[in-house]
Protein backbone atom coordinates (compact mmCIF):
# COMPACT_ATOMS: atom_id res chain seq x y z
CA MET A 1 0.00 0.00 0.00
CA PHE A 2 2.85 2.34 0.89
CA TRP A 3 4.58 1.74 -2.44
CA LEU A 4 1.32 2.31 -4.33
CA LYS A 5 0.78 5.68 -2.60
CA LEU A 6 4.39 6.62 -3.22
CA SER A 7 4.07 5.69 -6.90
CA VAL A 8 0.92 7.80 -7.28
CA PHE A 9 2.57 10.72 -5.49
CA LEU A 10 5.67 10.55 -7.67
CA SER A 11 3.55 10.34 -10.83
CA LEU A 12 1.55 13.42 -9.84
CA PHE A 13 4.72 15.24 -8.83
CA TRP A 14 6.36 14.47 -12.16
CA LEU A 15 3.30 15.63 -14.13
CA SER A 16 3.20 18.85 -12.12
CA PHE A 17 6.93 19.35 -12.65
CA GLU A 18 6.57 18.78 -16.39
CA SER A 19 3.71 21.29 -16.61
CA TYR A 20 5.67 23.84 -14.55
CA SER A 21 8.76 23.33 -16.70
CA GLU A 22 6.74 23.64 -19.91
CA ALA A 23 5.12 26.86 -18.68
CA ASN A 24 8.52 28.31 -17.81
CA ASP A 25 9.86 27.34 -21.24
CA PHE A 26 6.94 29.11 -22.92
CA GLN A 27 7.45 32.24 -20.80
CA SER A 28 11.15 32.27 -21.67
CA ASP A 29 10.48 31.75 -25.37
CA MET A 30 7.87 34.52 -25.39
CA VAL A 31 10.22 37.01 -23.72
CA GLY A 32 12.92 36.28 -26.28
CA GLU A 33 10.50 36.40 -29.22
CA LEU A 34 8.92 39.66 -28.07
CA ASN A 35 12.28 41.39 -27.61
CA GLN A 36 13.33 40.22 -31.06
CA ILE A 37 10.08 41.44 -32.62
CA LYS A 38 10.48 44.83 -30.96
CA GLN A 39 13.98 45.26 -32.36
CA GLU A 40 13.24 43.77 -35.76
CA TYR A 41 10.31 46.07 -36.50
CA ASN A 42 11.49 49.14 -34.54
CA ILE A 43 8.44 49.18 -32.27
CA PRO A 44 8.89 51.57 -29.32
CA ALA A 45 6.29 49.80 -27.14
CA ILE A 46 4.64 46.40 -27.61
CA SER A 47 2.57 44.39 -25.14
CA VAL A 48 1.18 40.89 -25.64
CA ALA A 49 -1.21 38.51 -23.92
CA VAL A 50 -1.55 34.82 -24.76
CA ILE A 51 -4.43 32.54 -23.75
CA ILE A 52 -4.02 28.79 -24.09
CA SER A 53 -6.85 26.36 -23.34
CA GLY A 54 -8.94 29.07 -21.73
CA GLN A 55 -6.25 30.34 -19.35
CA VAL A 56 -3.74 33.18 -19.47
CA ALA A 57 -0.39 31.66 -20.41
CA TYR A 58 1.64 34.83 -20.92
CA LEU A 59 1.43 38.53 -20.14
CA GLY A 60 4.29 40.86 -20.94
CA GLY A 61 5.77 43.68 -22.92
CA SER A 62 8.91 45.05 -24.48
CA GLY A 63 10.11 48.59 -24.88
CA SER A 64 9.99 51.81 -22.91
CA LEU A 65 7.51 54.62 -22.33
CA ASP A 66 10.01 57.34 -23.28
CA SER A 67 11.76 58.06 -26.55
CA ASP A 68 15.31 57.28 -25.39
CA GLY A 69 14.38 53.85 -24.05
CA ASN A 70 15.60 54.52 -20.53
CA GLY A 71 12.28 55.21 -18.82
CA LYS A 72 9.59 52.96 -17.39
CA LYS A 73 9.48 49.61 -19.13
CA VAL A 74 6.42 48.40 -21.00
CA ASP A 75 4.45 45.61 -19.34
CA ALA A 76 0.97 44.10 -19.26
CA LYS A 77 -0.39 47.15 -17.42
CA THR A 78 0.81 49.68 -20.02
CA LEU A 79 -2.15 51.55 -21.52
CA PHE A 80 -2.65 51.94 -25.27
CA ARG A 81 -5.37 53.25 -27.55
CA VAL A 82 -6.77 49.96 -28.85
CA ALA A 83 -8.56 51.60 -31.80
CA SER A 84 -11.14 49.39 -33.57
CA ILE A 85 -10.90 46.59 -31.02
CA SER A 86 -13.36 48.93 -29.28
CA LYS A 87 -16.03 47.75 -31.72
CA LEU A 88 -16.10 44.30 -30.10
CA PHE A 89 -17.23 45.86 -26.82
CA THR A 90 -19.92 47.89 -28.59
CA ALA A 91 -21.15 44.72 -30.30
CA GLN A 92 -21.30 42.84 -26.98
CA ALA A 93 -23.19 45.74 -25.39
CA ALA A 94 -25.81 45.61 -28.16
CA LEU A 95 -26.16 41.83 -27.78
CA GLN A 96 -26.59 42.19 -24.01
CA LEU A 97 -29.56 44.47 -24.68
CA VAL A 98 -30.90 41.94 -27.18
CA GLU A 99 -30.67 39.23 -24.50
CA ALA A 100 -32.54 41.51 -22.11
CA GLY A 101 -35.35 41.98 -24.67
CA ARG A 102 -34.73 45.72 -24.90
CA LEU A 103 -33.36 45.71 -28.43
CA SER A 104 -33.97 43.67 -31.58
CA LEU A 105 -31.36 43.20 -34.29
CA ASP A 106 -34.08 43.28 -36.94
CA ASP A 107 -35.50 46.62 -35.84
CA ASN A 108 -35.08 49.73 -37.93
CA ILE A 109 -32.59 52.04 -36.23
CA SER A 110 -35.14 54.86 -36.44
CA ASN A 111 -37.11 53.03 -33.71
CA TYR A 112 -34.37 54.16 -31.33
CA LEU A 113 -32.93 57.19 -33.13
CA PRO A 114 -35.78 59.12 -34.80
CA ILE A 115 -33.26 61.29 -36.64
CA PHE A 116 -32.88 58.34 -39.04
CA SER A 117 -36.59 58.37 -39.90
CA GLY A 118 -37.06 57.34 -43.51
CA SER A 119 -34.00 55.11 -43.67
CA ASN A 120 -34.26 51.35 -44.08
CA ILE A 121 -31.21 50.53 -41.94
CA LYS A 122 -31.56 47.77 -39.33
CA VAL A 123 -29.58 47.36 -36.13
CA VAL A 124 -27.93 44.19 -37.49
CA ASP A 125 -26.72 46.15 -40.51
CA LEU A 126 -24.60 48.33 -38.21
CA LEU A 127 -23.05 45.27 -36.56
CA SER A 128 -22.14 43.64 -39.87
CA HIS A 129 -21.01 46.75 -41.81
CA VAL A 130 -23.76 46.73 -44.46
CA SER A 131 -25.65 49.82 -43.33
CA GLY A 132 -24.44 51.95 -46.22
CA ILE A 133 -23.18 54.57 -43.74
CA ASP A 134 -19.68 55.55 -44.76
CA ASP A 135 -17.02 57.47 -42.83
CA ARG A 136 -17.41 60.94 -44.28
CA VAL A 137 -17.74 62.49 -40.82
CA LYS A 138 -14.32 62.49 -39.19
CA PRO A 139 -13.39 62.75 -35.49
CA SER A 140 -12.92 66.17 -33.99
CA ILE A 141 -11.22 67.38 -30.83
CA GLY A 142 -13.20 67.44 -27.61
CA LYS A 143 -16.59 66.49 -26.24
CA ARG A 144 -18.78 66.63 -29.33
CA PRO A 145 -22.44 66.08 -28.35
CA ILE A 146 -23.72 62.87 -29.89
CA GLU A 147 -26.76 64.76 -31.21
CA THR A 148 -24.48 67.07 -33.21
CA TYR A 149 -22.56 64.11 -34.58
CA LEU A 150 -25.72 62.25 -35.64
CA ILE A 151 -27.00 65.33 -37.47
CA GLU A 152 -23.75 65.44 -39.46
CA VAL A 153 -24.05 61.71 -40.21
CA THR A 154 -27.65 61.94 -41.45
CA GLU A 155 -26.77 64.90 -43.65
CA ASN A 156 -24.20 62.70 -45.40
CA LEU A 157 -26.17 59.46 -45.82
CA HIS A 158 -26.12 57.68 -49.18
CA PRO A 159 -29.67 57.13 -50.44
CA MET A 160 -30.65 53.44 -50.42
CA ALA A 161 -27.05 52.24 -50.02
CA ARG A 162 -27.88 49.50 -47.50
CA GLY A 163 -26.75 45.93 -48.20
CA LYS A 164 -23.21 46.27 -49.55
CA PHE A 165 -20.27 45.54 -47.25
CA GLU A 166 -18.34 48.68 -46.37
CA TYR A 167 -16.33 48.76 -43.16
CA SER A 168 -17.73 51.63 -41.14
CA ASP A 169 -16.58 53.37 -37.98
CA THR A 170 -19.64 55.57 -38.27
CA GLY A 171 -21.99 52.58 -38.19
CA PHE A 172 -20.57 51.53 -34.83
CA ASN A 173 -20.77 55.06 -33.47
CA VAL A 174 -24.47 55.04 -34.40
CA LEU A 175 -24.78 51.63 -32.72
CA GLY A 176 -23.20 53.11 -29.60
CA ALA A 177 -25.78 55.89 -29.65
CA ILE A 178 -28.50 53.21 -29.72
CA VAL A 179 -26.90 51.43 -26.75
CA SER A 180 -26.96 54.71 -24.85
CA GLU A 181 -30.55 55.50 -25.86
CA VAL A 182 -31.89 52.05 -24.94
CA SER A 183 -29.96 51.75 -21.68
CA GLY A 184 -30.58 55.32 -20.58
CA LYS A 185 -26.88 55.75 -19.76
CA PRO A 186 -23.90 57.42 -21.45
CA PHE A 187 -22.21 54.88 -23.68
CA GLU A 188 -18.98 54.72 -21.69
CA VAL A 189 -20.88 54.30 -18.42
CA TYR A 190 -22.89 51.38 -19.81
CA ILE A 191 -19.72 49.66 -21.09
CA SER A 192 -17.93 50.17 -17.78
CA GLU A 193 -20.80 48.86 -15.65
CA ASN A 194 -21.81 45.93 -17.86
CA ILE A 195 -18.59 44.69 -19.45
CA LEU A 196 -15.38 46.24 -18.09
CA LYS A 197 -16.06 45.86 -14.36
CA PRO A 198 -17.76 42.44 -14.52
CA VAL A 199 -14.74 40.89 -16.30
CA GLY A 200 -12.16 42.69 -14.13
CA MET A 201 -10.99 45.37 -16.57
CA MET A 202 -10.33 47.83 -13.77
CA ASP A 203 -7.64 49.90 -15.56
CA SER A 204 -9.52 50.41 -18.82
CA GLY A 205 -11.91 53.13 -19.97
CA TYR A 206 -12.37 56.07 -22.31
CA TYR A 207 -10.57 59.42 -22.65
CA ASP A 208 -12.07 62.60 -24.07
CA GLY A 209 -8.85 64.57 -24.36
CA SER A 210 -8.94 65.97 -20.84
CA GLU A 211 -10.72 63.45 -18.59
CA GLY A 212 -10.93 59.70 -18.29
CA VAL A 213 -8.43 56.89 -18.81
CA LYS A 214 -5.48 58.35 -20.68
CA PRO A 215 -3.01 56.13 -22.59
CA ASN A 216 0.51 56.27 -21.20
CA THR A 217 2.05 55.34 -24.56
CA GLU A 218 2.49 58.04 -27.19
CA PRO A 219 1.71 57.37 -30.86
CA THR A 220 4.75 56.96 -33.10
CA TYR A 221 5.67 56.71 -36.76
CA ARG A 222 9.00 55.12 -37.73
CA GLY A 223 10.10 55.28 -34.10
CA ALA A 224 9.41 59.01 -33.61
CA VAL A 225 6.55 60.46 -31.59
CA ILE A 226 3.86 61.99 -33.82
CA PRO A 227 3.42 65.73 -33.13
CA GLU A 228 0.27 66.46 -31.12
CA ALA A 229 -1.32 68.47 -33.92
CA MET A 230 -1.09 65.43 -36.20
CA GLN A 231 -2.38 62.85 -33.73
CA ARG A 232 -5.83 61.27 -34.05
CA PRO A 233 -8.20 63.44 -31.96
CA PHE A 234 -10.01 62.06 -28.93
CA ASP A 235 -13.71 62.42 -29.79
CA THR A 236 -16.49 61.23 -27.48
CA ALA A 237 -18.71 60.51 -30.49
CA PHE A 238 -16.11 57.96 -31.62
CA PHE A 239 -15.97 56.07 -28.31
CA PRO A 240 -17.97 53.10 -29.72
CA SER A 241 -15.76 52.60 -32.79
CA GLU A 242 -12.26 53.41 -31.52
CA GLY A 243 -12.30 55.02 -28.08
CA LEU A 244 -11.29 52.28 -25.64
CA VAL A 245 -8.00 52.70 -23.78
CA SER A 246 -6.76 49.43 -22.30
CA ASN A 247 -3.85 47.11 -21.61
CA THR A 248 -3.11 43.46 -22.31
CA SER A 249 -3.78 42.43 -18.72
CA ASP A 250 -7.35 43.73 -18.88
CA LEU A 251 -7.96 42.54 -22.43
CA ALA A 252 -6.70 39.08 -21.50
CA SER A 253 -9.27 38.93 -18.71
CA TRP A 254 -12.03 39.95 -21.13
CA LEU A 255 -10.84 37.50 -23.80
CA VAL A 256 -10.76 34.62 -21.28
CA ASN A 257 -14.37 35.43 -20.35
CA THR A 258 -15.32 35.52 -24.03
CA ILE A 259 -13.47 32.31 -24.93
CA ASN A 260 -14.90 30.43 -21.95
CA LYS A 261 -18.43 31.77 -22.65
CA ASP A 262 -18.60 33.14 -19.12
CA ASN A 263 -21.86 34.64 -17.87
CA ASN A 264 -20.11 37.87 -16.86
CA ILE A 265 -20.83 39.08 -20.40
CA PHE A 266 -23.75 37.06 -21.77
CA SER A 267 -26.28 35.09 -19.76
CA ASN A 268 -26.90 32.68 -22.64
CA LYS A 269 -24.01 30.71 -24.14
CA ASP A 270 -25.83 30.63 -27.48
CA THR A 271 -25.25 34.38 -27.77
CA TYR A 272 -21.53 33.71 -28.09
CA LYS A 273 -22.22 31.36 -31.01
CA ARG A 274 -24.57 33.88 -32.59
CA MET A 275 -21.85 36.53 -32.29
CA LEU A 276 -19.40 34.46 -34.36
CA ALA A 277 -21.77 33.10 -37.01
CA PRO A 278 -20.65 34.41 -40.45
CA ARG A 279 -23.24 36.71 -42.00
CA VAL A 280 -21.62 38.90 -44.62
CA THR A 281 -19.07 38.22 -47.35
CA THR A 282 -16.30 40.80 -47.56
CA ASP A 283 -13.74 41.79 -50.18
CA TRP A 284 -11.01 40.50 -47.82
CA GLY A 285 -10.69 37.02 -49.31
CA GLU A 286 -12.16 34.26 -47.12
CA ILE A 287 -12.93 36.59 -44.21
CA LYS A 288 -16.60 37.07 -43.34
CA ILE A 289 -18.31 39.32 -40.82
CA GLY A 290 -20.22 38.05 -37.83
CA LEU A 291 -21.66 40.40 -35.21
CA GLY A 292 -18.65 42.62 -34.75
CA TRP A 293 -16.05 39.88 -35.27
CA GLN A 294 -14.23 39.02 -38.49
CA VAL A 295 -14.37 35.23 -38.91
CA TYR A 296 -12.72 32.69 -41.19
CA GLN A 297 -11.33 29.15 -41.36
CA GLU A 298 -7.60 28.45 -41.19
CA ASP A 299 -6.51 24.83 -41.63
CA ASN A 300 -10.10 23.81 -40.81
CA VAL A 301 -9.93 25.77 -37.54
CA LEU A 302 -12.39 28.59 -36.78
CA VAL A 303 -10.62 31.91 -36.25
CA ALA A 304 -12.22 35.16 -35.04
CA ARG A 305 -10.29 38.39 -35.06
CA HIS A 306 -10.41 42.16 -35.01
CA PRO A 307 -7.52 44.48 -35.80
CA GLY A 308 -7.28 48.07 -34.64
CA SER A 309 -5.49 50.93 -36.36
CA ILE A 310 -5.36 54.65 -35.78
CA ARG A 311 -2.49 57.06 -36.38
CA GLY A 312 0.41 55.87 -34.24
CA TYR A 313 -1.21 52.70 -32.84
CA LYS A 314 -1.70 49.18 -34.21
CA SER A 315 -3.48 46.41 -32.33
CA LEU A 316 -4.91 42.96 -32.91
CA ILE A 317 -7.07 40.41 -31.11
CA ILE A 318 -7.34 36.86 -32.43
CA MET A 319 -9.17 33.95 -30.84
CA TYR A 320 -9.55 30.31 -31.74
CA PRO A 321 -12.87 29.58 -30.04
CA ASP A 322 -12.94 25.81 -30.48
CA GLU A 323 -9.39 25.45 -29.13
CA ARG A 324 -10.08 28.09 -26.44
CA ASP A 325 -6.89 29.93 -27.44
CA GLY A 326 -6.34 33.60 -28.09
CA LEU A 327 -3.85 36.43 -28.24
CA VAL A 328 -3.73 40.19 -27.87
CA ILE A 329 -1.15 42.50 -29.46
CA LEU A 330 -0.96 46.21 -28.60
CA THR A 331 1.64 48.61 -30.04
CA ASN A 332 2.22 52.35 -30.32
CA SER A 333 3.56 52.29 -33.87
CA SER A 334 1.93 53.05 -37.23
CA LYS A 335 4.05 50.50 -39.08
CA VAL A 336 3.66 47.07 -37.48
CA PRO A 337 3.13 43.76 -39.34
CA ARG A 338 0.54 42.59 -36.80
CA PHE A 339 -0.51 39.48 -38.65
CA GLU A 340 3.06 38.30 -39.15
CA ILE A 341 3.73 38.84 -35.43
CA ALA A 342 0.54 36.95 -34.57
CA LYS A 343 1.66 34.07 -36.80
CA ARG A 344 4.99 33.86 -34.98
CA ILE A 345 3.30 33.86 -31.58
CA ARG A 346 0.76 31.27 -32.71
CA GLU A 347 3.60 28.96 -33.75
CA LEU A 348 5.05 29.24 -30.24
CA MET A 349 1.62 28.57 -28.74
CA LEU A 350 1.18 25.39 -30.73
CA LYS A 351 4.71 24.29 -29.97
CA HIS A 352 4.10 24.53 -26.23
CA LYS A 353 0.44 23.57 -26.05
CA ILE A 354 -0.08 20.44 -23.96
């Protein structure tokens, strides 16, 4: 009996040791790869999160917060403008309201925003980029009232343009206005109370140019900080499409909740499936649009992604829902081969996955 217990103990110990050793090897490989990527592509600040089998396997960064490289080092808490990754949070907010019976994807948007009276645009059209609303109205500096923004949008609508895929920041800003109208709360307050806080994103939020969660990385082009006058303005009307400021630690927590279909975001697991179901064909090869997410098959594996890009920042989220894997890449550089970097990290993930 003693020898049997000892044998079981030693077997468990060895398995634990192997898992610990493998995790350490992955951490070491990621640190080396990230430092190499930073140098190879001249990225001042890069931060990465990796999720394997539904758990955070790596959080880290490379680079410095100042231009000479001698200041505070970049890590998983470093804040970036995540750009269009923001759209995924807007999409989840809309689907939460659908779950609650307060919003229908098939409703005309004029049911919630009367300023669009006469249009034939549905809520689902905004989520899948077929609303026909293009991006003629650009961001401006400061706290632009959403009413003013919507007037500008309606004055620039294409007549009867609904149905054709055209990636649209404006469509998601309109969707954010619907979230605010239906919930009775400012958009950023709804997102904070119903997504950020429930999943533990305590450092993330929105910045209007003077108040809120400010990024502590500066936007760069070819390694140099972009002059303030040339930077992308912070515009409250653009919070739903590009306004989130976050870090890889927070985004990893959110992505784990999304991958594991946790009820912190949706109460019904089927909503997660609905979110990823391909709806619209794009002009991006095999990539299709779900509800917010861009989805496709790679080697017979379902992949869902969303890149983010504004002047001086590049970001990317990719998840492999069936494998419960995912990764987050945040940078403060305009010239970053995000998809090549993601491919390199994915190869490391598969190499170390148990």
